[in-house]
Amino acid sequence: MKTLAAFFALAALAVASTSPADAKGCLKGAVVGGVAGHYAGHHGTVGALAGCAYGRHRAKEQARQPRGQPPAGQEKL
C-alpha cells in the first residue's frame, strides 16, 4: 500500500512540475541533422541531437534580432 501511495505522489509531483516545451527550431534541426547524420555513416541519432542544438541556437538568435534589420553580415552596402 505504501508503494502505491508513493507512486501516486510521485506521479502528482511530475504532473505539477511540468512546463510547456519551448522547442522552437529544434524539430526542424533534428530532422535535417538526423537525415544528414544517417547518410554520413549511419549516425542519425547524433545528427539529430546536433541539429536540434543548432536549430535551437538559431531560433534564439533570430528572436534577439530586432524586426526589420538584416542578420549580421548581410547588410546592404
N, C-alpha and C. Protein backbone atom coordinates (compact mmCIF):
# COMPACT_ATOMS: atom_id res chain seq x y z
N MET A 1 0.82 -1.19 0.00
CA MET A 1 0.00 0.00 0.00
C MET A 1 0.86 1.26 0.00
N LYS A 2 2.00 1.22 0.71
CA LYS A 2 2.90 2.37 0.74
C LYS A 2 3.50 2.61 -0.64
N THR A 3 3.77 1.54 -1.36
CA THR A 3 4.34 1.68 -2.70
C THR A 3 3.35 2.36 -3.63
N LEU A 4 2.10 1.98 -3.55
CA LEU A 4 1.07 2.58 -4.39
C LEU A 4 0.91 4.07 -4.07
N ALA A 5 0.91 4.41 -2.80
CA ALA A 5 0.79 5.82 -2.40
C ALA A 5 2.01 6.62 -2.86
N ALA A 6 3.19 6.03 -2.75
CA ALA A 6 4.40 6.71 -3.19
C ALA A 6 4.38 6.91 -4.70
N PHE A 7 3.89 5.93 -5.44
CA PHE A 7 3.79 6.05 -6.89
C PHE A 7 2.86 7.19 -7.28
N PHE A 8 1.69 7.26 -6.66
CA PHE A 8 0.75 8.32 -6.98
C PHE A 8 1.27 9.70 -6.56
N ALA A 9 1.99 9.76 -5.46
CA ALA A 9 2.57 11.03 -5.03
C ALA A 9 3.63 11.49 -6.03
N LEU A 10 4.44 10.56 -6.51
CA LEU A 10 5.47 10.89 -7.49
C LEU A 10 4.84 11.31 -8.81
N ALA A 11 3.78 10.63 -9.22
CA ALA A 11 3.08 10.99 -10.46
C ALA A 11 2.45 12.38 -10.34
N ALA A 12 1.86 12.69 -9.20
CA ALA A 12 1.25 14.00 -9.00
C ALA A 12 2.32 15.10 -9.02
N LEU A 13 3.49 14.83 -8.44
CA LEU A 13 4.59 15.78 -8.46
C LEU A 13 5.08 16.02 -9.88
N ALA A 14 5.17 14.95 -10.65
CA ALA A 14 5.64 15.08 -12.03
C ALA A 14 4.67 15.90 -12.87
N VAL A 15 3.40 15.69 -12.70
CA VAL A 15 2.40 16.44 -13.46
C VAL A 15 2.39 17.91 -13.02
N ALA A 16 2.56 18.17 -11.75
CA ALA A 16 2.52 19.53 -11.24
C ALA A 16 3.75 20.34 -11.65
N SER A 17 4.87 19.67 -11.89
CA SER A 17 6.10 20.39 -12.18
C SER A 17 6.38 20.55 -13.67
N THR A 18 5.46 20.16 -14.52
CA THR A 18 5.70 20.29 -15.95
C THR A 18 5.47 21.72 -16.40
N SER A 19 6.18 22.08 -17.44
CA SER A 19 6.01 23.39 -18.05
C SER A 19 5.92 23.19 -19.55
N PRO A 20 5.37 24.15 -20.27
CA PRO A 20 5.26 23.98 -21.72
C PRO A 20 6.64 23.92 -22.37
N ALA A 21 6.79 23.07 -23.35
CA ALA A 21 8.07 22.91 -24.05
C ALA A 21 8.29 24.09 -24.99
N ASP A 22 9.50 24.54 -25.05
CA ASP A 22 9.86 25.62 -25.94
C ASP A 22 10.89 25.08 -26.92
N ALA A 23 10.42 24.36 -27.92
CA ALA A 23 11.31 23.67 -28.84
C ALA A 23 11.38 24.36 -30.19
N LYS A 24 11.26 25.66 -30.21
CA LYS A 24 11.28 26.38 -31.48
C LYS A 24 12.64 26.15 -32.16
N GLY A 25 12.60 25.63 -33.37
CA GLY A 25 13.81 25.38 -34.13
C GLY A 25 14.39 24.00 -33.92
N CYS A 26 14.05 23.35 -32.85
CA CYS A 26 14.63 22.05 -32.53
C CYS A 26 14.13 20.97 -33.46
N LEU A 27 12.84 20.94 -33.73
CA LEU A 27 12.28 19.86 -34.55
C LEU A 27 12.82 19.90 -35.98
N LYS A 28 12.83 21.07 -36.57
CA LYS A 28 13.34 21.20 -37.93
C LYS A 28 14.82 20.83 -37.98
N GLY A 29 15.59 21.31 -37.04
CA GLY A 29 17.02 20.99 -37.00
C GLY A 29 17.27 19.52 -36.76
N ALA A 30 16.45 18.90 -35.92
CA ALA A 30 16.62 17.48 -35.64
C ALA A 30 16.34 16.64 -36.87
N VAL A 31 15.33 17.00 -37.64
CA VAL A 31 15.02 16.25 -38.86
C VAL A 31 16.16 16.37 -39.86
N VAL A 32 16.60 17.59 -40.11
CA VAL A 32 17.68 17.81 -41.07
C VAL A 32 18.97 17.14 -40.59
N GLY A 33 19.28 17.31 -39.32
CA GLY A 33 20.50 16.69 -38.78
C GLY A 33 20.44 15.18 -38.77
N GLY A 34 19.26 14.63 -38.49
CA GLY A 34 19.10 13.18 -38.49
C GLY A 34 19.30 12.58 -39.87
N VAL A 35 18.74 13.24 -40.88
CA VAL A 35 18.92 12.75 -42.26
C VAL A 35 20.38 12.88 -42.67
N ALA A 36 20.99 14.02 -42.38
CA ALA A 36 22.39 14.21 -42.74
C ALA A 36 23.28 13.21 -42.00
N GLY A 37 23.00 12.99 -40.73
CA GLY A 37 23.79 12.01 -39.97
C GLY A 37 23.61 10.60 -40.47
N HIS A 38 22.42 10.27 -40.91
CA HIS A 38 22.17 8.93 -41.45
C HIS A 38 23.00 8.68 -42.70
N TYR A 39 23.03 9.66 -43.59
CA TYR A 39 23.78 9.49 -44.82
C TYR A 39 25.28 9.66 -44.61
N ALA A 40 25.70 10.20 -43.51
CA ALA A 40 27.12 10.39 -43.22
C ALA A 40 27.62 9.31 -42.27
N GLY A 41 27.29 8.08 -42.53
CA GLY A 41 27.85 6.99 -41.74
C GLY A 41 26.91 6.41 -40.72
N HIS A 42 25.62 6.47 -40.95
CA HIS A 42 24.62 5.88 -40.05
C HIS A 42 24.71 6.42 -38.63
N HIS A 43 24.84 7.73 -38.52
CA HIS A 43 24.87 8.40 -37.22
C HIS A 43 23.68 9.34 -37.11
N GLY A 44 22.49 8.81 -37.37
CA GLY A 44 21.27 9.63 -37.37
C GLY A 44 20.96 10.24 -36.03
N THR A 45 21.17 9.48 -34.96
CA THR A 45 20.86 9.99 -33.62
C THR A 45 21.77 11.15 -33.25
N VAL A 46 23.05 11.00 -33.52
CA VAL A 46 24.00 12.07 -33.22
C VAL A 46 23.68 13.30 -34.06
N GLY A 47 23.34 13.08 -35.33
CA GLY A 47 22.98 14.19 -36.20
C GLY A 47 21.73 14.89 -35.73
N ALA A 48 20.75 14.12 -35.25
CA ALA A 48 19.51 14.72 -34.76
C ALA A 48 19.77 15.55 -33.51
N LEU A 49 20.61 15.08 -32.62
CA LEU A 49 20.94 15.85 -31.41
C LEU A 49 21.67 17.14 -31.77
N ALA A 50 22.63 17.04 -32.67
CA ALA A 50 23.38 18.22 -33.07
C ALA A 50 22.48 19.19 -33.83
N GLY A 51 21.61 18.67 -34.70
CA GLY A 51 20.69 19.52 -35.44
C GLY A 51 19.72 20.25 -34.54
N CYS A 52 19.25 19.56 -33.51
CA CYS A 52 18.34 20.18 -32.55
C CYS A 52 19.04 21.32 -31.81
N ALA A 53 20.27 21.07 -31.39
CA ALA A 53 21.02 22.10 -30.67
C ALA A 53 21.26 23.31 -31.57
N TYR A 54 21.62 23.06 -32.83
CA TYR A 54 21.86 24.17 -33.75
C TYR A 54 20.57 24.92 -34.07
N GLY A 55 19.50 24.17 -34.29
CA GLY A 55 18.21 24.81 -34.58
C GLY A 55 17.74 25.68 -33.43
N ARG A 56 17.92 25.21 -32.22
CA ARG A 56 17.54 25.98 -31.04
C ARG A 56 18.38 27.25 -30.93
N HIS A 57 19.68 27.11 -31.22
CA HIS A 57 20.58 28.27 -31.18
C HIS A 57 20.15 29.32 -32.20
N ARG A 58 19.82 28.88 -33.43
CA ARG A 58 19.39 29.81 -34.47
C ARG A 58 18.08 30.50 -34.10
N ALA A 59 17.15 29.75 -33.49
CA ALA A 59 15.87 30.33 -33.11
C ALA A 59 16.06 31.41 -32.05
N LYS A 60 16.94 31.17 -31.09
CA LYS A 60 17.21 32.18 -30.07
C LYS A 60 17.88 33.40 -30.68
N GLU A 61 18.79 33.15 -31.63
CA GLU A 61 19.49 34.24 -32.29
C GLU A 61 18.51 35.11 -33.08
N GLN A 62 17.58 34.49 -33.78
CA GLN A 62 16.60 35.24 -34.55
C GLN A 62 15.61 35.97 -33.64
N ALA A 63 15.31 35.41 -32.49
CA ALA A 63 14.40 36.07 -31.56
C ALA A 63 15.03 37.34 -30.98
N ARG A 64 16.34 37.34 -30.83
CA ARG A 64 17.04 38.51 -30.31
C ARG A 64 17.20 39.61 -31.36
N GLN A 65 17.15 39.22 -32.64
CA GLN A 65 17.33 40.18 -33.74
C GLN A 65 16.12 41.10 -33.82
N PRO A 66 16.33 42.41 -33.84
CA PRO A 66 15.20 43.34 -33.99
C PRO A 66 14.52 43.15 -35.35
N ARG A 67 13.22 43.35 -35.39
CA ARG A 67 12.45 43.20 -36.63
C ARG A 67 12.89 44.26 -37.64
N GLY A 68 12.97 43.86 -38.88
CA GLY A 68 13.29 44.80 -39.95
C GLY A 68 14.76 44.97 -40.22
N GLN A 69 15.63 44.42 -39.40
CA GLN A 69 17.06 44.51 -39.63
C GLN A 69 17.55 43.22 -40.25
N PRO A 70 18.46 43.29 -41.22
CA PRO A 70 19.02 42.06 -41.78
C PRO A 70 19.96 41.40 -40.78
N PRO A 71 20.18 40.11 -40.90
CA PRO A 71 21.10 39.43 -39.99
C PRO A 71 22.52 39.99 -40.13
N ALA A 72 23.32 39.82 -39.11
CA ALA A 72 24.66 40.34 -39.11
C ALA A 72 25.45 39.78 -40.28
N GLY A 73 26.20 40.62 -40.96
CA GLY A 73 26.99 40.18 -42.11
C GLY A 73 26.24 40.27 -43.42
N GLN A 74 24.97 40.65 -43.40
CA GLN A 74 24.19 40.72 -44.63
C GLN A 74 23.58 42.11 -44.83
N GLU A 75 24.27 43.14 -44.36
CA GLU A 75 23.78 44.50 -44.51
C GLU A 75 23.98 44.96 -45.95
N LYS A 76 23.17 45.89 -46.39
CA LYS A 76 23.35 46.48 -47.72
C LYS A 76 24.55 47.41 -47.69
N LEU A 77 25.30 47.39 -48.77
CA LEU A 77 26.46 48.27 -48.85
C LEU A 77 26.14 49.55 -49.55
